[in-house]
Amino acid sequence: MSEVYEKALQQAQTELAALDTAAEELERKRNKARQTILVLRSMLGIEAGNEQSLTNAILNVLKASTGFITAPMVADRLIMAGYQVQIATVATILSRLLKDGHIMKDLENNTGYKWVGTGSFLDGLGEKLARAAAQPEGPKTKELKNLRAKALIDAQVAKKG
């Protein structure tokens, strides 16, 4: 009987991973559309109050970008959207977003930053596995098994996608 539940669990986790990937792509498209609207409003001289914080605006620029983007590029896109920013401010916020795990830095080529994405479970997996393994037997053991299963499913979905 537990084999049936395990198979159902695997199917549900696979479906969730696929939905997370689709949601991430939809989020990227939504942010591209938002940026386009902001830039067009700015070009037309339509005053549109900045409805979001600078941190959220920077995060949305990163979400709309498909690759790594530098701090000056982020600042340029914000200026085109009507924000008045300085590169130093953008760089400071990018550093904080990096520290908080919302974005990642291109360490190999040092070419900028990239949104981690909602489906990027594997990036923080090592720390989660270590924390779960350090806990005594019980609910944490189940959490560890679920983390491992999710990691395997995410890796398979990433290979297919």
Protein backbone atom coordinates (compact mmCIF):
# COMPACT_ATOMS: atom_id res chain seq x y z
CA MET A 1 0.00 0.00 0.00
CA SER A 2 2.83 2.40 0.81
CA GLU A 3 4.20 1.86 -2.73
CA VAL A 4 0.98 3.33 -4.12
CA TYR A 5 1.34 6.37 -1.87
CA GLU A 6 5.00 6.77 -2.77
CA LYS A 7 4.16 6.67 -6.48
CA ALA A 8 1.35 9.20 -5.97
CA LEU A 9 3.73 11.40 -4.01
CA GLN A 10 6.33 11.26 -6.79
CA GLN A 11 3.70 12.17 -9.40
CA ALA A 12 2.45 15.07 -7.29
CA GLN A 13 5.98 16.34 -6.74
CA THR A 14 6.76 16.08 -10.46
CA GLU A 15 3.59 17.99 -11.28
CA LEU A 16 4.44 20.65 -8.71
CA ALA A 17 7.95 21.03 -10.14
CA ALA A 18 6.48 21.49 -13.64
CA LEU A 19 4.00 24.05 -12.31
CA ASP A 20 6.80 25.92 -10.52
CA THR A 21 8.73 26.10 -13.79
CA ALA A 22 5.66 27.37 -15.64
CA ALA A 23 4.97 29.91 -12.89
CA GLU A 24 8.56 31.16 -13.09
CA GLU A 25 8.26 31.67 -16.85
CA LEU A 26 4.93 33.46 -16.41
CA GLU A 27 6.48 35.71 -13.73
CA ARG A 28 9.30 36.56 -16.15
CA LYS A 29 6.81 37.46 -18.91
CA ARG A 30 4.70 39.57 -16.53
CA ASN A 31 7.74 41.55 -15.47
CA LYS A 32 8.80 42.12 -19.08
CA ALA A 33 5.32 43.49 -19.81
CA ARG A 34 5.49 45.73 -16.71
CA GLN A 35 8.84 47.12 -17.81
CA THR A 36 7.56 47.77 -21.31
CA ILE A 37 4.56 49.64 -19.93
CA LEU A 38 6.73 51.74 -17.63
CA VAL A 39 9.16 52.62 -20.43
CA LEU A 40 6.35 53.51 -22.85
CA ARG A 41 4.65 55.68 -20.22
CA SER A 42 7.92 57.44 -19.58
CA MET A 43 8.52 58.00 -23.32
CA LEU A 44 5.00 59.39 -23.73
CA GLY A 45 5.43 61.70 -20.78
CA ILE A 46 2.67 60.05 -18.83
CA GLU A 47 3.38 60.56 -15.16
CA ALA A 48 3.04 57.23 -13.46
CA GLY A 49 3.94 57.25 -9.82
CA ASN A 50 6.36 54.53 -8.91
CA GLU A 51 3.95 52.12 -7.29
CA GLN A 52 6.62 49.82 -5.97
CA SER A 53 9.72 50.17 -3.84
CA LEU A 54 13.09 50.51 -5.52
CA THR A 55 14.03 47.06 -4.21
CA ASN A 56 10.96 45.51 -5.86
CA ALA A 57 11.62 47.44 -9.06
CA ILE A 58 15.19 46.10 -9.17
CA LEU A 59 13.97 42.58 -8.48
CA ASN A 60 11.40 42.93 -11.27
CA VAL A 61 14.11 44.04 -13.71
CA LEU A 62 16.07 40.91 -12.81
CA LYS A 63 12.97 38.74 -13.13
CA ALA A 64 12.35 40.12 -16.63
CA SER A 65 15.92 39.40 -17.71
CA THR A 66 16.73 35.95 -19.03
CA GLY A 67 20.44 36.08 -18.23
CA PHE A 68 22.88 37.85 -15.98
CA ILE A 69 22.60 41.63 -15.85
CA THR A 70 25.04 44.18 -14.40
CA ALA A 71 24.24 46.95 -11.92
CA PRO A 72 24.63 49.68 -14.60
CA MET A 73 22.25 47.77 -16.89
CA VAL A 74 19.71 47.52 -14.07
CA ALA A 75 20.07 51.25 -13.39
CA ASP A 76 19.59 52.06 -17.10
CA ARG A 77 16.39 50.02 -17.25
CA LEU A 78 15.07 51.70 -14.12
CA ILE A 79 15.86 55.14 -15.54
CA MET A 80 14.06 54.23 -18.77
CA ALA A 81 11.09 53.23 -16.61
CA GLY A 82 11.05 56.63 -14.92
CA TYR A 83 13.02 55.99 -11.74
CA GLN A 84 15.73 58.40 -10.63
CA VAL A 85 18.50 56.15 -9.37
CA GLN A 86 22.24 56.05 -8.96
CA ILE A 87 24.34 53.01 -9.74
CA ALA A 88 25.72 52.95 -6.18
CA THR A 89 22.18 52.64 -4.78
CA VAL A 90 21.35 49.89 -7.25
CA ALA A 91 24.59 48.04 -6.39
CA THR A 92 23.80 48.27 -2.66
CA ILE A 93 20.31 46.84 -3.16
CA LEU A 94 21.69 44.10 -5.44
CA SER A 95 24.16 43.14 -2.70
CA ARG A 96 21.35 42.88 -0.17
CA LEU A 97 19.18 40.81 -2.54
CA LEU A 98 22.18 38.54 -3.13
CA LYS A 99 22.78 38.15 0.61
CA ASP A 100 19.09 37.35 1.17
CA GLY A 101 19.18 34.66 -1.55
CA HIS A 102 16.74 36.31 -3.97
CA ILE A 103 19.34 36.63 -6.70
CA MET A 104 22.61 34.98 -7.66
CA LYS A 105 25.88 36.41 -8.94
CA ASP A 106 27.79 35.16 -11.95
CA LEU A 107 30.95 34.13 -10.12
CA GLU A 108 32.58 32.56 -13.17
CA ASN A 109 32.55 35.60 -15.48
CA ASN A 110 31.55 38.30 -12.98
CA THR A 111 29.04 39.62 -15.51
CA GLY A 112 26.25 40.52 -13.15
CA TYR A 113 23.24 39.20 -11.31
CA LYS A 114 20.31 36.93 -12.09
CA TRP A 115 16.99 36.19 -10.40
CA VAL A 116 17.12 32.86 -8.60
CA GLY A 117 13.53 32.01 -9.50
CA THR A 118 10.77 30.29 -7.66
CA GLY A 119 11.73 26.82 -8.85
CA SER A 120 15.40 26.99 -7.89
CA PHE A 121 15.15 24.61 -5.00
CA LEU A 122 18.57 23.06 -5.54
CA ASP A 123 20.48 26.29 -4.82
CA GLY A 124 19.76 26.14 -1.07
CA LEU A 125 19.48 22.39 -0.85
CA GLY A 126 22.86 21.72 0.79
CA GLU A 127 22.10 23.96 3.75
CA LYS A 128 18.59 22.51 4.16
CA LEU A 129 19.90 18.95 4.03
CA ALA A 130 22.60 19.72 6.59
CA ARG A 131 20.07 21.31 8.97
CA ALA A 132 17.64 18.42 8.60
CA ALA A 133 20.39 15.82 9.08
CA ALA A 134 21.57 17.48 12.28
CA GLN A 135 18.15 17.10 13.88
CA PRO A 136 17.23 14.04 15.96
CA GLU A 137 15.09 11.28 14.48
CA GLY A 138 11.43 12.04 13.96
CA PRO A 139 9.74 14.68 11.81
CA LYS A 140 13.11 16.00 10.61
CA THR A 141 13.98 12.61 9.13
CA LYS A 142 10.82 12.79 7.06
CA GLU A 143 11.74 16.35 6.04
CA LEU A 144 15.17 15.13 4.94
CA LYS A 145 13.65 12.38 2.81
CA ASN A 146 11.24 14.87 1.24
CA LEU A 147 14.09 17.28 0.48
CA ARG A 148 16.06 14.52 -1.20
CA ALA A 149 13.05 13.41 -3.25
CA LYS A 150 12.31 17.00 -4.28
CA ALA A 151 15.94 17.54 -5.27
CA LEU A 152 15.92 14.45 -7.47
CA ILE A 153 12.65 15.48 -9.11
CA ASP A 154 13.86 19.06 -9.65
CA ALA A 155 17.07 17.76 -11.21
CA GLN A 156 15.11 15.52 -13.58
CA VAL A 157 12.75 18.33 -14.56
CA ALA A 158 15.69 20.69 -15.11
CA LYS A 159 17.34 18.17 -17.44
CA LYS A 160 14.14 17.79 -19.46
CA GLY A 161 13.43 21.55 -19.55
